[in-house]
Structures are given as C-alpha cells and as structure tokens.
C-alpha cells in the first residue's frame, strides 16, 4: 500500500472531518455549553494522548510500507515531526463541537455538564483514559491470542499450506 494513502487512512480514522453546514443552527448558548463539556472532560488532553498513541501505532506501519533502506528511519522521523507540528489539539476539540451538536440536544449537553461537575464525573474523567487504554491493551492481547490459535489450527488442518509457508519463510530468509 502507498505510504501516503496508509497515513491518510489511519489519520482520518482518528481525526474526523468537521460536520457539514447542516449544523448551521447551532446556537451560541449550546456551543458554549458544548465547549464547557469538552473542557470539563479534558478533551484537549485526550486529543494530545490520541495524537501520541497514533504516532506510536502508525510508525511501524509506515516503516513497513516503505521500501527498506538507510533513508527510511530519517524520513519517518522527519514526517512525524512535521505531522506533529501541524496537529493542534484545540483545533481537534473544535472539530468535535458540530458532532456533539449533531448527537446531543442542548438539554442533554447541560445534563452531561452537570454530571461531569459532580465528584463521580470528576472521577470518570480521571480514570476513563487509563481504563480505555487498559481495555485496548487487553483487547489487543486477546486478539493476538485468538490470531495465533487460529493460525496454528489452520496450519494443522492444512499441511500443504504449512509447507508452503515454511518454504516462503526459508526463501525470504535466504535473500
């Protein structure tokens, strides 16, 4: 896959495009409450965390997508430096406003603000990023275990494929 296309695909999954003009009816009061909700919930901090995780998760994919060579490490480092310089957590938060407007009424936004201003709401903001990270890690581990078991079973059931895989690995190693 073209590395440029890969990066664009992955980035678009993490950073949604701003909503269309259909949300032109957003009132200043609702927008202010949405921005308050985003502030209370630490959306900017979360956006920065996502950008850092994206860099960590995409880096191996970009490296793998580029042909081997001494240039590759430097190119990827420079790309991510430039990419990070163009990413603004506050702008990402701003992109969320039309989405909150789309999915929540003004009354619901007010209810969320009220919740996140409570002690339980504060605790939720504190623990949810770590909780989500742990859930993602456990999900990856679960997926890896299921993947290894599935491949082992398929290769046991299809010795011809196992032999082809071993031969391909040997050819790749000889190069």
C-alpha atoms as a PDB file:
ATOM      1  CA  UNK A   1       0.000   0.000   0.000  1.00  0.00           C
ATOM      2  CA  UNK A   2       1.166   3.507  -0.782  1.00  0.00           C
ATOM      3  CA  UNK A   3       2.545   5.008   2.488  1.00  0.00           C
ATOM      4  CA  UNK A   4       0.769   8.284   1.818  1.00  0.00           C
ATOM      5  CA  UNK A   5      -2.574   6.538   1.449  1.00  0.00           C
ATOM      6  CA  UNK A   6      -1.877   4.479   4.571  1.00  0.00           C
ATOM      7  CA  UNK A   7      -1.138   7.564   6.652  1.00  0.00           C
ATOM      8  CA  UNK A   8      -4.215   9.394   5.351  1.00  0.00           C
ATOM      9  CA  UNK A   9      -6.464   6.415   6.060  1.00  0.00           C
ATOM     10  CA  UNK A  10      -5.198   5.957   9.584  1.00  0.00           C
ATOM     11  CA  UNK A  11      -5.263   9.685  10.356  1.00  0.00           C
ATOM     12  CA  UNK A  12      -8.837  10.019   9.112  1.00  0.00           C
ATOM     13  CA  UNK A  13      -9.907   7.248  11.467  1.00  0.00           C
ATOM     14  CA  UNK A  14      -8.571   9.209  14.445  1.00  0.00           C
ATOM     15  CA  UNK A  15      -9.463  12.723  13.337  1.00  0.00           C
ATOM     16  CA  UNK A  16     -12.961  13.098  11.925  1.00  0.00           C
ATOM     17  CA  UNK A  17     -13.740  15.795   9.392  1.00  0.00           C
ATOM     18  CA  UNK A  18     -15.799  18.721  10.682  1.00  0.00           C
ATOM     19  CA  UNK A  19     -19.539  18.314  10.266  1.00  0.00           C
ATOM     20  CA  UNK A  20     -21.224  19.919   7.283  1.00  0.00           C
ATOM     21  CA  UNK A  21     -23.269  23.087   7.089  1.00  0.00           C
ATOM     22  CA  UNK A  22     -26.310  21.054   8.182  1.00  0.00           C
ATOM     23  CA  UNK A  23     -25.396  22.075  11.715  1.00  0.00           C
ATOM     24  CA  UNK A  24     -25.618  25.796  10.959  1.00  0.00           C
ATOM     25  CA  UNK A  25     -28.434  26.059  13.512  1.00  0.00           C
ATOM     26  CA  UNK A  26     -26.034  25.605  16.446  1.00  0.00           C
ATOM     27  CA  UNK A  27     -26.887  28.361  18.900  1.00  0.00           C
ATOM     28  CA  UNK A  28     -24.160  30.300  20.711  1.00  0.00           C
ATOM     29  CA  UNK A  29     -25.516  29.062  24.058  1.00  0.00           C
ATOM     30  CA  UNK A  30     -25.372  25.416  23.003  1.00  0.00           C
ATOM     31  CA  UNK A  31     -21.908  25.868  21.521  1.00  0.00           C
ATOM     32  CA  UNK A  32     -20.702  27.448  24.775  1.00  0.00           C
ATOM     33  CA  UNK A  33     -22.128  24.525  26.760  1.00  0.00           C
ATOM     34  CA  UNK A  34     -20.519  22.003  24.397  1.00  0.00           C
ATOM     35  CA  UNK A  35     -17.174  23.753  24.759  1.00  0.00           C
ATOM     36  CA  UNK A  36     -17.641  23.741  28.555  1.00  0.00           C
ATOM     37  CA  UNK A  37     -18.350  19.999  28.441  1.00  0.00           C
ATOM     38  CA  UNK A  38     -15.246  19.418  26.332  1.00  0.00           C
ATOM     39  CA  UNK A  39     -13.195  21.496  28.765  1.00  0.00           C
ATOM     40  CA  UNK A  40     -14.523  19.647  31.825  1.00  0.00           C
ATOM     41  CA  UNK A  41     -13.902  16.256  30.248  1.00  0.00           C
ATOM     42  CA  UNK A  42     -10.337  17.114  29.242  1.00  0.00           C
ATOM     43  CA  UNK A  43     -10.935  16.735  25.523  1.00  0.00           C
ATOM     44  CA  UNK A  44      -7.740  18.625  24.616  1.00  0.00           C
ATOM     45  CA  UNK A  45      -5.660  16.342  26.851  1.00  0.00           C
ATOM     46  CA  UNK A  46      -7.356  13.309  25.293  1.00  0.00           C
ATOM     47  CA  UNK A  47      -6.700  14.670  21.793  1.00  0.00           C
ATOM     48  CA  UNK A  48      -2.999  15.004  22.630  1.00  0.00           C
ATOM     49  CA  UNK A  49      -2.995  11.457  24.025  1.00  0.00           C
ATOM     50  CA  UNK A  50      -4.626  10.154  20.837  1.00  0.00           C
ATOM     51  CA  UNK A  51      -2.080  12.003  18.685  1.00  0.00           C
ATOM     52  CA  UNK A  52       0.772  10.434  20.682  1.00  0.00           C
ATOM     53  CA  UNK A  53      -0.785   6.975  20.505  1.00  0.00           C
ATOM     54  CA  UNK A  54      -1.357   7.421  16.793  1.00  0.00           C
ATOM     55  CA  UNK A  55       2.321   8.218  16.309  1.00  0.00           C
ATOM     56  CA  UNK A  56       3.299   5.131  18.287  1.00  0.00           C
ATOM     57  CA  UNK A  57       0.814   2.876  16.487  1.00  0.00           C
ATOM     58  CA  UNK A  58       1.273   4.193  12.945  1.00  0.00           C
ATOM     59  CA  UNK A  59       5.053   4.390  12.992  1.00  0.00           C
ATOM     60  CA  UNK A  60       5.633   0.648  12.468  1.00  0.00           C
ATOM     61  CA  UNK A  61       3.028   0.604   9.688  1.00  0.00           C
ATOM     62  CA  UNK A  62       4.676   3.489   7.865  1.00  0.00           C
ATOM     63  CA  UNK A  63       8.107   1.904   8.305  1.00  0.00           C
ATOM     64  CA  UNK A  64       6.820  -1.370   6.918  1.00  0.00           C
ATOM     65  CA  UNK A  65       5.090   0.347   3.985  1.00  0.00           C
ATOM     66  CA  UNK A  66       8.318   1.991   2.800  1.00  0.00           C
ATOM     67  CA  UNK A  67      10.999   0.067   0.942  1.00  0.00           C
ATOM     68  CA  UNK A  68      13.992  -0.858   3.122  1.00  0.00           C
ATOM     69  CA  UNK A  69      16.940   1.485   3.100  1.00  0.00           C
ATOM     70  CA  UNK A  70      19.092   3.734   5.223  1.00  0.00           C
ATOM     71  CA  UNK A  71      16.812   6.694   4.403  1.00  0.00           C
ATOM     72  CA  UNK A  72      13.712   5.158   5.963  1.00  0.00           C
ATOM     73  CA  UNK A  73      14.281   5.912   9.661  1.00  0.00           C
ATOM     74  CA  UNK A  74      15.181   9.537   8.957  1.00  0.00           C
ATOM     75  CA  UNK A  75      12.244  10.029   6.590  1.00  0.00           C
ATOM     76  CA  UNK A  76       9.760   8.621   9.095  1.00  0.00           C
ATOM     77  CA  UNK A  77      11.217  10.715  11.929  1.00  0.00           C
ATOM     78  CA  UNK A  78      11.005  13.882   9.838  1.00  0.00           C
ATOM     79  CA  UNK A  79       7.491  13.012   8.682  1.00  0.00           C
ATOM     80  CA  UNK A  80       6.243  12.609  12.252  1.00  0.00           C
ATOM     81  CA  UNK A  81       7.982  15.791  13.393  1.00  0.00           C
ATOM     82  CA  UNK A  82       6.227  17.696  10.617  1.00  0.00           C
ATOM     83  CA  UNK A  83       2.935  15.930  11.204  1.00  0.00           C
ATOM     84  CA  UNK A  84       3.021  16.722  14.936  1.00  0.00           C
ATOM     85  CA  UNK A  85       3.769  20.377  14.176  1.00  0.00           C
ATOM     86  CA  UNK A  86       0.607  20.576  12.094  1.00  0.00           C
ATOM     87  CA  UNK A  87      -1.644  18.948  14.673  1.00  0.00           C
ATOM     88  CA  UNK A  88      -3.384  21.260  17.133  1.00  0.00           C
ATOM     89  CA  UNK A  89      -5.292  19.651  19.989  1.00  0.00           C
ATOM     90  CA  UNK A  90      -7.543  22.701  20.385  1.00  0.00           C
ATOM     91  CA  UNK A  91      -8.463  22.562  16.706  1.00  0.00           C
ATOM     92  CA  UNK A  92      -9.322  18.897  17.113  1.00  0.00           C
ATOM     93  CA  UNK A  93     -11.549  19.811  20.048  1.00  0.00           C
ATOM     94  CA  UNK A  94     -13.218  22.422  17.860  1.00  0.00           C
ATOM     95  CA  UNK A  95     -13.956  19.759  15.268  1.00  0.00           C
ATOM     96  CA  UNK A  96     -15.921  17.918  17.961  1.00  0.00           C
ATOM     97  CA  UNK A  97     -18.381  20.753  18.566  1.00  0.00           C
ATOM     98  CA  UNK A  98     -20.554  20.095  15.484  1.00  0.00           C
ATOM     99  CA  UNK A  99     -20.543  16.390  16.279  1.00  0.00           C
ATOM    100  CA  UNK A 100     -21.785  16.944  19.823  1.00  0.00           C
ATOM    101  CA  UNK A 101     -24.407  19.265  18.341  1.00  0.00           C
ATOM    102  CA  UNK A 102     -25.440  16.521  15.944  1.00  0.00           C
ATOM    103  CA  UNK A 103     -25.787  13.762  18.535  1.00  0.00           C
ATOM    104  CA  UNK A 104     -26.945  15.606  21.670  1.00  0.00           C
ATOM    105  CA  UNK A 105     -29.696  18.080  22.372  1.00  0.00           C
ATOM    106  CA  UNK A 106     -28.881  21.203  24.318  1.00  0.00           C
ATOM    107  CA  UNK A 107     -30.636  19.744  27.362  1.00  0.00           C
ATOM    108  CA  UNK A 108     -28.543  16.579  27.131  1.00  0.00           C
ATOM    109  CA  UNK A 109     -25.353  18.652  26.909  1.00  0.00           C
ATOM    110  CA  UNK A 110     -26.444  20.547  30.032  1.00  0.00           C
ATOM    111  CA  UNK A 111     -27.059  17.209  31.761  1.00  0.00           C
ATOM    112  CA  UNK A 112     -23.608  15.970  30.816  1.00  0.00           C
ATOM    113  CA  UNK A 113     -22.028  19.179  32.091  1.00  0.00           C
ATOM    114  CA  UNK A 114     -23.929  18.777  35.369  1.00  0.00           C
ATOM    115  CA  UNK A 115     -22.766  15.150  35.671  1.00  0.00           C
ATOM    116  CA  UNK A 116     -19.112  15.905  34.927  1.00  0.00           C
ATOM    117  CA  UNK A 117     -19.124  18.643  37.547  1.00  0.00           C
ATOM    118  CA  UNK A 118     -20.002  16.075  40.259  1.00  0.00           C
ATOM    119  CA  UNK A 119     -17.376  14.058  42.180  1.00  0.00           C
ATOM    120  CA  UNK A 120     -18.308  10.946  40.173  1.00  0.00           C
ATOM    121  CA  UNK A 121     -17.993  12.926  36.958  1.00  0.00           C
ATOM    122  CA  UNK A 122     -14.543  14.157  38.006  1.00  0.00           C
ATOM    123  CA  UNK A 123     -13.507  10.591  38.826  1.00  0.00           C
ATOM    124  CA  UNK A 124     -14.792   9.414  35.444  1.00  0.00           C
ATOM    125  CA  UNK A 125     -12.639  11.994  33.672  1.00  0.00           C
ATOM    126  CA  UNK A 126      -9.627  10.901  35.704  1.00  0.00           C
ATOM    127  CA  UNK A 127      -9.962   7.146  35.289  1.00  0.00           C
ATOM    128  CA  UNK A 128     -11.540   6.706  31.853  1.00  0.00           C
ATOM    129  CA  UNK A 129      -8.389   7.370  29.773  1.00  0.00           C
ATOM    130  CA  UNK A 130      -6.443   4.754  31.746  1.00  0.00           C
ATOM    131  CA  UNK A 131      -9.396   2.393  31.717  1.00  0.00           C
ATOM    132  CA  UNK A 132      -9.751   2.741  27.947  1.00  0.00           C
ATOM    133  CA  UNK A 133      -6.013   2.215  27.434  1.00  0.00           C
ATOM    134  CA  UNK A 134      -6.095  -0.946  29.555  1.00  0.00           C
ATOM    135  CA  UNK A 135      -9.172  -2.186  27.715  1.00  0.00           C
ATOM    136  CA  UNK A 136      -7.441  -1.558  24.371  1.00  0.00           C
ATOM    137  CA  UNK A 137      -4.330  -3.419  25.561  1.00  0.00           C
ATOM    138  CA  UNK A 138      -6.352  -6.383  26.770  1.00  0.00           C
ATOM    139  CA  UNK A 139      -8.288  -6.352  23.512  1.00  0.00           C
ATOM    140  CA  UNK A 140      -5.028  -6.446  21.533  1.00  0.00           C
ATOM    141  CA  UNK A 141      -3.723  -9.307  23.680  1.00  0.00           C
ATOM    142  CA  UNK A 142      -6.993 -11.203  23.273  1.00  0.00           C
ATOM    143  CA  UNK A 143      -6.881 -10.658  19.510  1.00  0.00           C
ATOM    144  CA  UNK A 144      -3.255 -11.768  19.288  1.00  0.00           C
ATOM    145  CA  UNK A 145      -4.020 -14.936  21.259  1.00  0.00           C
ATOM    146  CA  UNK A 146      -7.032 -15.708  19.070  1.00  0.00           C
ATOM    147  CA  UNK A 147      -4.968 -14.968  15.962  1.00  0.00           C
ATOM    148  CA  UNK A 148      -2.123 -17.283  16.972  1.00  0.00           C
ATOM    149  CA  UNK A 149      -4.546 -20.058  17.896  1.00  0.00           C
ATOM    150  CA  UNK A 150      -6.442 -19.644  14.616  1.00  0.00           C
ATOM    151  CA  UNK A 151      -3.283 -19.766  12.510  1.00  0.00           C
ATOM    152  CA  UNK A 152      -1.989 -22.788  14.417  1.00  0.00           C
ATOM    153  CA  UNK A 153      -5.289 -24.618  13.865  1.00  0.00           C
ATOM    154  CA  UNK A 154      -5.481 -23.721  10.152  1.00  0.00           C
ATOM    155  CA  UNK A 155      -1.896 -24.864   9.580  1.00  0.00           C
ATOM    156  CA  UNK A 156      -2.554 -28.106  11.481  1.00  0.00           C
ATOM    157  CA  UNK A 157      -5.634 -28.756   9.332  1.00  0.00           C
ATOM    158  CA  UNK A 158      -3.862 -27.840   6.068  1.00  0.00           C
ATOM    159  CA  UNK A 159      -0.333 -29.306   5.999  1.00  0.00           C
ATOM    160  CA  UNK A 160       0.050 -28.171   2.381  1.00  0.00           C
ATOM    161  CA  UNK A 161      -0.315 -24.541   3.446  1.00  0.00           C
ATOM    162  CA  UNK A 162       2.064 -25.094   6.341  1.00  0.00           C
ATOM    163  CA  UNK A 163       4.687 -26.467   3.944  1.00  0.00           C
ATOM    164  CA  UNK A 164       4.208 -23.512   1.566  1.00  0.00           C
ATOM    165  CA  UNK A 165       4.517 -21.069   4.464  1.00  0.00           C
ATOM    166  CA  UNK A 166       7.713 -22.710   5.692  1.00  0.00           C
ATOM    167  CA  UNK A 167       9.161 -22.677   2.165  1.00  0.00           C
ATOM    168  CA  UNK A 168       8.266 -18.981   1.705  1.00  0.00           C
ATOM    169  CA  UNK A 169       9.865 -18.148   5.051  1.00  0.00           C
ATOM    170  CA  UNK A 170      13.013 -20.025   4.058  1.00  0.00           C
ATOM    171  CA  UNK A 171      13.189 -18.178   0.704  1.00  0.00           C
ATOM    172  CA  UNK A 172      12.752 -14.822   2.448  1.00  0.00           C
ATOM    173  CA  UNK A 173      15.481 -15.731   4.938  1.00  0.00           C
ATOM    174  CA  UNK A 174      17.891 -16.724   2.148  1.00  0.00           C
ATOM    175  CA  UNK A 175      17.594 -13.297   0.474  1.00  0.00           C
END
